Amino acid sequence: MKLYVIDLDHLALQVEESPPLMQWSARQRFRMRQFIEAEKAEKWHDDVDMASAFDQDPNIIVMRFRYSVEFLHMFNMGYQNYSQGEWEVARGFLLRAKDMTGVVDGPCEALLQYMERPHEFIPPPWWQGVRDLGDVTRAS
C-alpha cells in the first residue's frame, strides 16, 4: 500500500480582508459559475504539471516553508519503520521529527501515541502495516 500525503501549514497564510457583501444578480452568478468551471477545466487539462504548481504557487510555497527536507526524510523513515513493524526504530525517528518544525507535528504525535498505548512500542501479532481507522483517536 502506498500513502501519498503533503504537509501544509495553513496558518502561515495571511488572511485577506473580505470585500463588503454585495448583491449578486442572476447574470453575475451565472458568469461566476462559468468562470469557476473554466478555471477548474484548465487545471484538469493534460498539459498541467501539478509538481511545478507546487514549486511556483506562492501560497503553497508559504504553507510548505516549515517542512524541511530533513524533516520529511526523518518522518518518512519513521513511518516506513512503523508500517514494517519496527516500532522501536520508528519511535526514534518520529521523536526526532516531532519537534523539528517548531511546533509539535500532529501525524508524528498520533503514530507515537498509537504505538505507545496500548502496545508499548511492540507491534501486535496481527500487524500488517496498517490499522483500522476505527482505532484512530484524536491526539489531545
N, C-alpha and C. Protein backbone atom coordinates (compact mmCIF):
# COMPACT_ATOMS: atom_id res chain seq x y z
N MET A 1 0.85 -1.18 0.00
CA MET A 1 0.00 0.00 0.00
C MET A 1 0.88 1.24 0.00
N LYS A 2 0.57 2.18 -0.85
CA LYS A 2 1.31 3.43 -0.89
C LYS A 2 0.42 4.54 -0.36
N LEU A 3 1.03 5.41 0.42
CA LEU A 3 0.31 6.52 1.01
C LEU A 3 0.94 7.80 0.51
N TYR A 4 0.14 8.66 -0.08
CA TYR A 4 0.62 9.93 -0.59
C TYR A 4 0.01 11.04 0.26
N VAL A 5 0.87 11.85 0.85
CA VAL A 5 0.42 12.94 1.70
C VAL A 5 1.28 14.17 1.42
N ILE A 6 0.81 15.30 1.87
CA ILE A 6 1.61 16.52 1.79
C ILE A 6 1.33 17.34 3.04
N ASP A 7 2.39 17.88 3.61
CA ASP A 7 2.27 18.73 4.78
C ASP A 7 2.10 20.16 4.33
N LEU A 8 1.06 20.80 4.83
CA LEU A 8 0.81 22.20 4.56
C LEU A 8 0.45 22.90 5.86
N ASP A 9 1.06 24.05 6.11
CA ASP A 9 0.77 24.85 7.30
C ASP A 9 -0.16 25.98 6.89
N HIS A 10 -1.45 25.73 6.96
CA HIS A 10 -2.43 26.73 6.50
C HIS A 10 -2.42 27.98 7.38
N LEU A 11 -1.93 27.87 8.60
CA LEU A 11 -1.88 29.03 9.48
C LEU A 11 -0.80 30.03 9.07
N ALA A 12 0.09 29.64 8.17
CA ALA A 12 1.14 30.54 7.70
C ALA A 12 0.62 31.55 6.69
N LEU A 13 -0.56 31.30 6.14
CA LEU A 13 -1.12 32.22 5.15
C LEU A 13 -1.71 33.46 5.81
N GLN A 14 -1.57 34.57 5.14
CA GLN A 14 -2.20 35.80 5.59
C GLN A 14 -3.65 35.80 5.12
N VAL A 15 -4.55 36.13 6.00
CA VAL A 15 -5.96 36.18 5.65
C VAL A 15 -6.27 37.54 5.04
N GLU A 16 -6.87 37.50 3.87
CA GLU A 16 -7.21 38.75 3.19
C GLU A 16 -8.53 39.29 3.74
N GLU A 17 -8.61 40.60 3.77
CA GLU A 17 -9.88 41.23 4.16
C GLU A 17 -10.94 40.89 3.13
N SER A 18 -12.08 40.48 3.59
CA SER A 18 -13.14 40.17 2.64
C SER A 18 -13.82 41.46 2.20
N PRO A 19 -14.16 41.53 0.92
CA PRO A 19 -14.85 42.73 0.43
C PRO A 19 -16.25 42.80 1.04
N PRO A 20 -16.81 43.97 1.04
CA PRO A 20 -18.17 44.07 1.58
C PRO A 20 -19.13 43.18 0.78
N LEU A 21 -20.11 42.67 1.47
CA LEU A 21 -21.08 41.80 0.80
C LEU A 21 -21.80 42.57 -0.28
N MET A 22 -22.00 41.90 -1.40
CA MET A 22 -22.71 42.54 -2.50
C MET A 22 -23.88 41.66 -2.92
N GLN A 23 -24.83 42.26 -3.49
CA GLN A 23 -25.98 41.52 -4.00
C GLN A 23 -25.66 41.06 -5.43
N TRP A 24 -25.72 39.76 -5.65
CA TRP A 24 -25.43 39.21 -6.96
C TRP A 24 -26.71 39.05 -7.75
N SER A 25 -26.66 39.48 -8.98
CA SER A 25 -27.80 39.25 -9.86
C SER A 25 -27.68 37.83 -10.43
N ALA A 26 -28.73 37.34 -11.03
CA ALA A 26 -28.70 36.00 -11.63
C ALA A 26 -27.64 35.95 -12.73
N ARG A 27 -27.50 37.02 -13.47
CA ARG A 27 -26.50 37.08 -14.54
C ARG A 27 -25.08 37.02 -13.98
N GLN A 28 -24.82 37.75 -12.87
CA GLN A 28 -23.49 37.73 -12.27
C GLN A 28 -23.17 36.33 -11.70
N ARG A 29 -24.13 35.69 -11.06
CA ARG A 29 -23.92 34.34 -10.53
C ARG A 29 -23.61 33.37 -11.67
N PHE A 30 -24.35 33.49 -12.79
CA PHE A 30 -24.11 32.63 -13.94
C PHE A 30 -22.70 32.83 -14.49
N ARG A 31 -22.29 34.08 -14.63
CA ARG A 31 -20.95 34.38 -15.15
C ARG A 31 -19.87 33.87 -14.20
N MET A 32 -20.10 33.99 -12.92
CA MET A 32 -19.12 33.50 -11.94
C MET A 32 -19.02 31.98 -12.01
N ARG A 33 -20.14 31.29 -12.16
CA ARG A 33 -20.11 29.82 -12.30
C ARG A 33 -19.34 29.44 -13.56
N GLN A 34 -19.54 30.17 -14.65
CA GLN A 34 -18.79 29.90 -15.88
C GLN A 34 -17.29 30.10 -15.65
N PHE A 35 -16.94 31.17 -14.98
CA PHE A 35 -15.54 31.46 -14.70
C PHE A 35 -14.91 30.34 -13.86
N ILE A 36 -15.60 29.91 -12.82
CA ILE A 36 -15.08 28.86 -11.94
C ILE A 36 -14.93 27.55 -12.70
N GLU A 37 -15.90 27.21 -13.53
CA GLU A 37 -15.81 25.99 -14.33
C GLU A 37 -14.64 26.05 -15.31
N ALA A 38 -14.41 27.22 -15.91
CA ALA A 38 -13.28 27.38 -16.83
C ALA A 38 -11.95 27.22 -16.08
N GLU A 39 -11.86 27.78 -14.89
CA GLU A 39 -10.64 27.64 -14.07
C GLU A 39 -10.41 26.17 -13.71
N LYS A 40 -11.47 25.48 -13.34
CA LYS A 40 -11.35 24.07 -12.97
C LYS A 40 -10.94 23.23 -14.18
N ALA A 41 -11.54 23.48 -15.32
CA ALA A 41 -11.21 22.73 -16.54
C ALA A 41 -9.75 22.96 -16.93
N GLU A 42 -9.26 24.18 -16.72
CA GLU A 42 -7.87 24.48 -17.04
C GLU A 42 -6.91 23.66 -16.17
N LYS A 43 -7.26 23.48 -14.91
CA LYS A 43 -6.40 22.70 -14.00
C LYS A 43 -6.43 21.21 -14.30
N TRP A 44 -7.50 20.71 -14.92
CA TRP A 44 -7.62 19.29 -15.25
C TRP A 44 -7.03 18.97 -16.62
N HIS A 45 -6.56 19.97 -17.33
CA HIS A 45 -6.01 19.76 -18.66
C HIS A 45 -4.75 18.90 -18.58
N ASP A 46 -4.51 18.06 -19.59
CA ASP A 46 -3.37 17.14 -19.61
C ASP A 46 -2.02 17.87 -19.55
N ASP A 47 -1.96 19.11 -20.02
CA ASP A 47 -0.71 19.85 -20.04
C ASP A 47 -0.31 20.43 -18.68
N VAL A 48 -1.20 20.37 -17.71
CA VAL A 48 -0.91 20.96 -16.40
C VAL A 48 0.02 20.03 -15.62
N ASP A 49 1.10 20.59 -15.12
CA ASP A 49 2.07 19.85 -14.32
C ASP A 49 1.91 20.28 -12.86
N MET A 50 1.24 19.45 -12.07
CA MET A 50 0.95 19.81 -10.69
C MET A 50 2.22 19.94 -9.86
N ALA A 51 3.25 19.18 -10.17
CA ALA A 51 4.50 19.28 -9.42
C ALA A 51 5.09 20.69 -9.56
N SER A 52 5.04 21.24 -10.76
CA SER A 52 5.57 22.60 -10.93
C SER A 52 4.66 23.62 -10.25
N ALA A 53 3.37 23.35 -10.19
CA ALA A 53 2.46 24.25 -9.48
C ALA A 53 2.86 24.34 -8.01
N PHE A 54 3.30 23.22 -7.43
CA PHE A 54 3.73 23.23 -6.04
C PHE A 54 5.02 24.02 -5.86
N ASP A 55 5.83 24.10 -6.89
CA ASP A 55 7.08 24.86 -6.81
C ASP A 55 6.87 26.34 -7.11
N GLN A 56 5.76 26.68 -7.76
CA GLN A 56 5.57 28.05 -8.22
C GLN A 56 4.46 28.81 -7.51
N ASP A 57 3.46 28.12 -6.98
CA ASP A 57 2.34 28.80 -6.34
C ASP A 57 2.80 29.46 -5.04
N PRO A 58 2.68 30.78 -4.92
CA PRO A 58 3.19 31.47 -3.72
C PRO A 58 2.51 31.00 -2.43
N ASN A 59 1.24 30.69 -2.47
CA ASN A 59 0.55 30.22 -1.26
C ASN A 59 1.06 28.85 -0.82
N ILE A 60 1.27 27.96 -1.78
CA ILE A 60 1.79 26.63 -1.43
C ILE A 60 3.21 26.74 -0.91
N ILE A 61 4.00 27.61 -1.50
CA ILE A 61 5.38 27.81 -1.03
C ILE A 61 5.37 28.28 0.43
N VAL A 62 4.52 29.22 0.76
CA VAL A 62 4.42 29.71 2.14
C VAL A 62 3.98 28.58 3.07
N MET A 63 2.99 27.78 2.66
CA MET A 63 2.49 26.71 3.52
C MET A 63 3.50 25.56 3.66
N ARG A 64 4.39 25.39 2.71
CA ARG A 64 5.39 24.31 2.77
C ARG A 64 6.69 24.72 3.47
N PHE A 65 6.88 26.01 3.71
CA PHE A 65 8.14 26.53 4.22
C PHE A 65 8.60 25.83 5.51
N ARG A 66 7.70 25.55 6.40
CA ARG A 66 8.01 24.96 7.70
C ARG A 66 8.62 23.56 7.58
N TYR A 67 8.33 22.84 6.50
CA TYR A 67 8.71 21.43 6.38
C TYR A 67 10.00 21.28 5.56
N SER A 68 11.11 21.12 6.26
CA SER A 68 12.42 20.99 5.60
C SER A 68 12.56 19.60 5.00
N VAL A 69 13.53 19.46 4.11
CA VAL A 69 13.84 18.16 3.52
C VAL A 69 14.26 17.20 4.63
N GLU A 70 15.02 17.71 5.60
CA GLU A 70 15.45 16.88 6.73
C GLU A 70 14.25 16.33 7.50
N PHE A 71 13.27 17.19 7.77
CA PHE A 71 12.06 16.73 8.46
C PHE A 71 11.35 15.66 7.65
N LEU A 72 11.18 15.90 6.36
CA LEU A 72 10.47 14.96 5.50
C LEU A 72 11.16 13.60 5.48
N HIS A 73 12.49 13.59 5.42
CA HIS A 73 13.24 12.34 5.45
C HIS A 73 13.08 11.64 6.80
N MET A 74 13.18 12.40 7.88
CA MET A 74 13.07 11.83 9.22
C MET A 74 11.69 11.22 9.42
N PHE A 75 10.62 11.95 9.03
CA PHE A 75 9.28 11.43 9.18
C PHE A 75 9.08 10.19 8.31
N ASN A 76 9.57 10.24 7.07
CA ASN A 76 9.41 9.11 6.16
C ASN A 76 10.09 7.86 6.72
N MET A 77 11.29 8.02 7.27
CA MET A 77 11.97 6.85 7.85
C MET A 77 11.18 6.32 9.04
N GLY A 78 10.63 7.23 9.85
CA GLY A 78 9.80 6.80 10.97
C GLY A 78 8.56 6.07 10.51
N TYR A 79 7.90 6.61 9.49
CA TYR A 79 6.68 5.98 9.00
C TYR A 79 6.96 4.61 8.38
N GLN A 80 8.03 4.53 7.61
CA GLN A 80 8.37 3.24 6.99
C GLN A 80 8.64 2.17 8.05
N ASN A 81 9.37 2.54 9.10
CA ASN A 81 9.64 1.58 10.17
C ASN A 81 8.36 1.23 10.93
N TYR A 82 7.48 2.21 11.12
CA TYR A 82 6.19 1.95 11.75
C TYR A 82 5.40 0.92 10.94
N SER A 83 5.30 1.15 9.64
CA SER A 83 4.49 0.26 8.81
C SER A 83 5.11 -1.14 8.69
N GLN A 84 6.45 -1.23 8.81
CA GLN A 84 7.12 -2.53 8.73
C GLN A 84 7.18 -3.25 10.07
N GLY A 85 6.63 -2.63 11.12
CA GLY A 85 6.60 -3.28 12.43
C GLY A 85 7.85 -3.09 13.25
N GLU A 86 8.73 -2.20 12.83
CA GLU A 86 9.95 -1.89 13.60
C GLU A 86 9.66 -0.67 14.48
N TRP A 87 8.82 -0.87 15.49
CA TRP A 87 8.28 0.25 16.24
C TRP A 87 9.30 0.95 17.13
N GLU A 88 10.28 0.27 17.67
CA GLU A 88 11.30 0.94 18.48
C GLU A 88 12.14 1.86 17.59
N VAL A 89 12.47 1.42 16.40
CA VAL A 89 13.22 2.25 15.45
C VAL A 89 12.35 3.43 15.01
N ALA A 90 11.10 3.14 14.70
CA ALA A 90 10.16 4.20 14.29
C ALA A 90 10.04 5.26 15.38
N ARG A 91 9.99 4.80 16.60
CA ARG A 91 9.88 5.72 17.74
C ARG A 91 11.01 6.74 17.71
N GLY A 92 12.25 6.30 17.51
CA GLY A 92 13.38 7.22 17.48
C GLY A 92 13.26 8.26 16.38
N PHE A 93 12.93 7.82 15.18
CA PHE A 93 12.80 8.77 14.07
C PHE A 93 11.65 9.74 14.29
N LEU A 94 10.51 9.23 14.74
CA LEU A 94 9.34 10.09 14.93
C LEU A 94 9.53 11.06 16.09
N LEU A 95 10.22 10.63 17.14
CA LEU A 95 10.51 11.56 18.25
C LEU A 95 11.40 12.70 17.77
N ARG A 96 12.38 12.39 16.91
CA ARG A 96 13.24 13.45 16.37
C ARG A 96 12.46 14.37 15.44
N ALA A 97 11.60 13.80 14.61
CA ALA A 97 10.85 14.61 13.64
C ALA A 97 9.78 15.45 14.31
N LYS A 98 9.22 14.97 15.39
CA LYS A 98 8.05 15.59 16.02
C LYS A 98 8.21 17.08 16.29
N ASP A 99 9.38 17.51 16.73
CA ASP A 99 9.58 18.91 17.10
C ASP A 99 10.47 19.68 16.12
N MET A 100 10.81 19.09 14.99
CA MET A 100 11.73 19.73 14.04
C MET A 100 11.14 20.96 13.35
N THR A 101 9.81 21.07 13.32
CA THR A 101 9.20 22.17 12.58
C THR A 101 8.94 23.40 13.44
N GLY A 102 9.25 23.32 14.73
CA GLY A 102 8.98 24.45 15.62
C GLY A 102 7.66 24.31 16.34
N VAL A 103 6.84 23.41 15.91
CA VAL A 103 5.59 23.06 16.59
C VAL A 103 5.50 21.54 16.59
N VAL A 104 4.68 21.00 17.48
CA VAL A 104 4.53 19.55 17.53
C VAL A 104 3.81 19.09 16.26
N ASP A 105 4.40 18.12 15.57
CA ASP A 105 3.80 17.59 14.34
C ASP A 105 2.72 16.58 14.71
N GLY A 106 1.50 16.85 14.31
CA GLY A 106 0.35 16.01 14.66
C GLY A 106 0.47 14.56 14.20
N PRO A 107 0.84 14.29 12.93
CA PRO A 107 0.98 12.90 12.50
C PRO A 107 2.04 12.13 13.30
N CYS A 108 3.18 12.77 13.60
CA CYS A 108 4.19 12.11 14.43
C CYS A 108 3.61 11.76 15.79
N GLU A 109 2.96 12.73 16.39
CA GLU A 109 2.38 12.53 17.72
C GLU A 109 1.34 11.41 17.70
N ALA A 110 0.50 11.38 16.67
CA ALA A 110 -0.55 10.36 16.59
C ALA A 110 0.05 8.96 16.47
N LEU A 111 1.08 8.80 15.62
CA LEU A 111 1.72 7.49 15.47
C LEU A 111 2.40 7.07 16.76
N LEU A 112 3.08 8.00 17.40
CA LEU A 112 3.75 7.67 18.67
C LEU A 112 2.74 7.25 19.73
N GLN A 113 1.63 7.97 19.82
CA GLN A 113 0.61 7.61 20.82
C GLN A 113 0.02 6.24 20.53
N TYR A 114 -0.24 5.93 19.27
CA TYR A 114 -0.81 4.63 18.93
C TYR A 114 0.16 3.50 19.28
N MET A 115 1.43 3.70 18.98
CA MET A 115 2.41 2.65 19.27
C MET A 115 2.62 2.50 20.78
N GLU A 116 2.50 3.60 21.50
CA GLU A 116 2.73 3.55 22.95
C GLU A 116 1.56 2.94 23.71
N ARG A 117 0.36 3.39 23.45
CA ARG A 117 -0.83 2.93 24.17
C ARG A 117 -1.79 2.29 23.19
N PRO A 118 -2.08 1.08 23.35
CA PRO A 118 -1.79 0.16 24.46
C PRO A 118 -0.62 -0.78 24.16
N HIS A 119 0.15 -0.51 23.10
CA HIS A 119 1.09 -1.52 22.60
C HIS A 119 2.50 -1.46 23.19
N GLU A 120 2.85 -0.37 23.88
CA GLU A 120 4.18 -0.20 24.47
C GLU A 120 5.31 -0.41 23.44
N PHE A 121 5.08 0.09 22.24
CA PHE A 121 6.03 0.06 21.13
C PHE A 121 6.40 -1.35 20.66
N ILE A 122 5.49 -2.27 20.89
CA ILE A 122 5.64 -3.64 20.38
C ILE A 122 4.45 -3.89 19.46
N PRO A 123 4.68 -4.10 18.16
CA PRO A 123 3.55 -4.31 17.26
C PRO A 123 2.77 -5.57 17.63
N PRO A 124 1.45 -5.51 17.53
CA PRO A 124 0.65 -6.71 17.85
C PRO A 124 0.93 -7.82 16.84
N PRO A 125 0.66 -9.06 17.21
CA PRO A 125 0.95 -10.21 16.32
C PRO A 125 0.25 -10.12 14.97
N TRP A 126 -0.89 -9.47 14.92
CA TRP A 126 -1.66 -9.37 13.67
C TRP A 126 -1.19 -8.21 12.78
N TRP A 127 -0.19 -7.44 13.19
CA TRP A 127 0.24 -6.23 12.48
C TRP A 127 0.66 -6.53 11.05
N GLN A 128 0.05 -5.79 10.10
CA GLN A 128 0.40 -5.92 8.68
C GLN A 128 0.71 -4.57 8.05
N GLY A 129 1.07 -3.61 8.88
CA GLY A 129 1.49 -2.31 8.36
C GLY A 129 0.44 -1.23 8.38
N VAL A 130 -0.80 -1.59 8.66
CA VAL A 130 -1.88 -0.61 8.72
C VAL A 130 -2.78 -0.95 9.89
N ARG A 131 -3.59 0.01 10.26
CA ARG A 131 -4.56 -0.24 11.33
C ARG A 131 -5.94 0.20 10.87
N ASP A 132 -6.93 -0.33 11.49
CA ASP A 132 -8.32 0.01 11.21
C ASP A 132 -8.57 1.45 11.63
N LEU A 133 -9.19 2.24 10.78
CA LEU A 133 -9.47 3.63 11.13
C LEU A 133 -10.39 3.74 12.35
N GLY A 134 -11.08 2.66 12.68
CA GLY A 134 -11.89 2.67 13.91
C GLY A 134 -11.00 2.80 15.14
N ASP A 135 -9.70 2.51 15.00
CA ASP A 135 -8.76 2.62 16.11
C ASP A 135 -8.26 4.04 16.30
N VAL A 136 -8.53 4.91 15.36
CA VAL A 136 -7.97 6.26 15.41
C VAL A 136 -8.68 7.08 16.47
N THR A 137 -7.88 7.66 17.33
CA THR A 137 -8.40 8.63 18.30
C THR A 137 -7.62 9.89 18.13
N ARG A 138 -8.27 11.00 18.31
CA ARG A 138 -7.63 12.29 18.10
C ARG A 138 -6.63 12.58 19.21
N ALA A 139 -5.43 12.99 18.82
CA ALA A 139 -4.42 13.36 19.82
C ALA A 139 -4.86 14.66 20.49
N SER A 140 -4.71 14.69 21.80
CA SER A 140 -5.13 15.91 22.51
C SER A 140 -3.98 16.83 22.78
